[in-house]
Amino acid sequence: MFRIRVGVYRVIYAVFTNEEYILIGKIVRRSESTYRDLDDLAKQARAQLSKIISDK
């Protein structure tokens, strides 16, 4: 998982280089809770990627 700052917002995303995909996990205004539950977000990203690959 990676994050970038865009003004007051944070973009949390995952890069899957072997599959050539970038999945945006969430875009949120920066707060104390911005980075909570990143493990769950990573699991969801992997599940979405598996679905995308199986649908090919």
Protein backbone atom coordinates (compact mmCIF):
# COMPACT_ATOMS: atom_id res chain seq x y z
CA MET A 1 0.00 0.00 0.00
CA PHE A 2 1.18 3.47 -0.86
CA ARG A 3 -0.11 6.92 -0.10
CA ILE A 4 0.24 10.30 -1.71
CA ARG A 5 -0.83 13.74 -0.58
CA VAL A 6 -3.05 15.81 -2.83
CA GLY A 7 -3.74 19.05 -1.01
CA VAL A 8 -5.61 18.18 2.20
CA TYR A 9 -6.50 14.73 0.85
CA ARG A 10 -4.66 11.41 0.97
CA VAL A 11 -4.88 8.83 -1.78
CA ILE A 12 -4.26 5.30 -0.55
CA TYR A 13 -3.46 2.85 -3.35
CA ALA A 14 -1.84 -0.47 -4.17
CA VAL A 15 0.38 -1.30 -7.13
CA PHE A 16 0.40 -4.82 -8.56
CA THR A 17 3.27 -4.73 -11.05
CA ASN A 18 3.02 -8.32 -12.27
CA GLU A 19 -0.62 -7.82 -13.24
CA GLU A 20 -0.05 -4.19 -14.34
CA TYR A 21 -2.81 -2.81 -12.12
CA ILE A 22 -3.10 0.09 -9.73
CA LEU A 23 -6.04 -0.05 -7.36
CA ILE A 24 -7.18 3.06 -5.53
CA GLY A 25 -8.22 2.01 -2.03
CA LYS A 26 -9.60 5.29 -0.77
CA ILE A 27 -9.39 9.04 -1.10
CA VAL A 28 -9.96 10.82 2.18
CA ARG A 29 -9.39 14.12 3.89
CA ARG A 30 -6.44 13.76 6.27
CA SER A 31 -7.47 13.04 9.86
CA GLU A 32 -6.36 10.87 12.77
CA SER A 33 -8.32 7.93 11.34
CA THR A 34 -7.00 8.19 7.77
CA TYR A 35 -4.57 5.30 8.06
CA ARG A 36 -6.64 2.99 10.25
CA ASP A 37 -7.68 -0.37 8.84
CA LEU A 38 -4.99 -0.43 6.13
CA ASP A 39 -4.65 -4.20 6.57
CA ASP A 40 -8.34 -4.64 5.76
CA LEU A 41 -7.98 -2.31 2.81
CA ALA A 42 -5.02 -4.35 1.50
CA LYS A 43 -7.06 -7.57 1.78
CA GLN A 44 -9.92 -5.96 -0.13
CA ALA A 45 -7.49 -4.78 -2.83
CA ARG A 46 -6.09 -8.30 -3.26
CA ALA A 47 -9.61 -9.74 -3.45
CA GLN A 48 -10.60 -7.18 -6.10
CA LEU A 49 -7.48 -7.95 -8.10
CA SER A 50 -8.22 -11.68 -7.96
CA LYS A 51 -11.73 -10.99 -9.25
CA ILE A 52 -10.44 -8.79 -12.07
CA ILE A 53 -7.90 -11.40 -13.14
CA SER A 54 -10.41 -14.26 -13.04
CA ASP A 55 -12.88 -12.25 -15.16
CA LYS A 56 -10.33 -11.87 -18.00
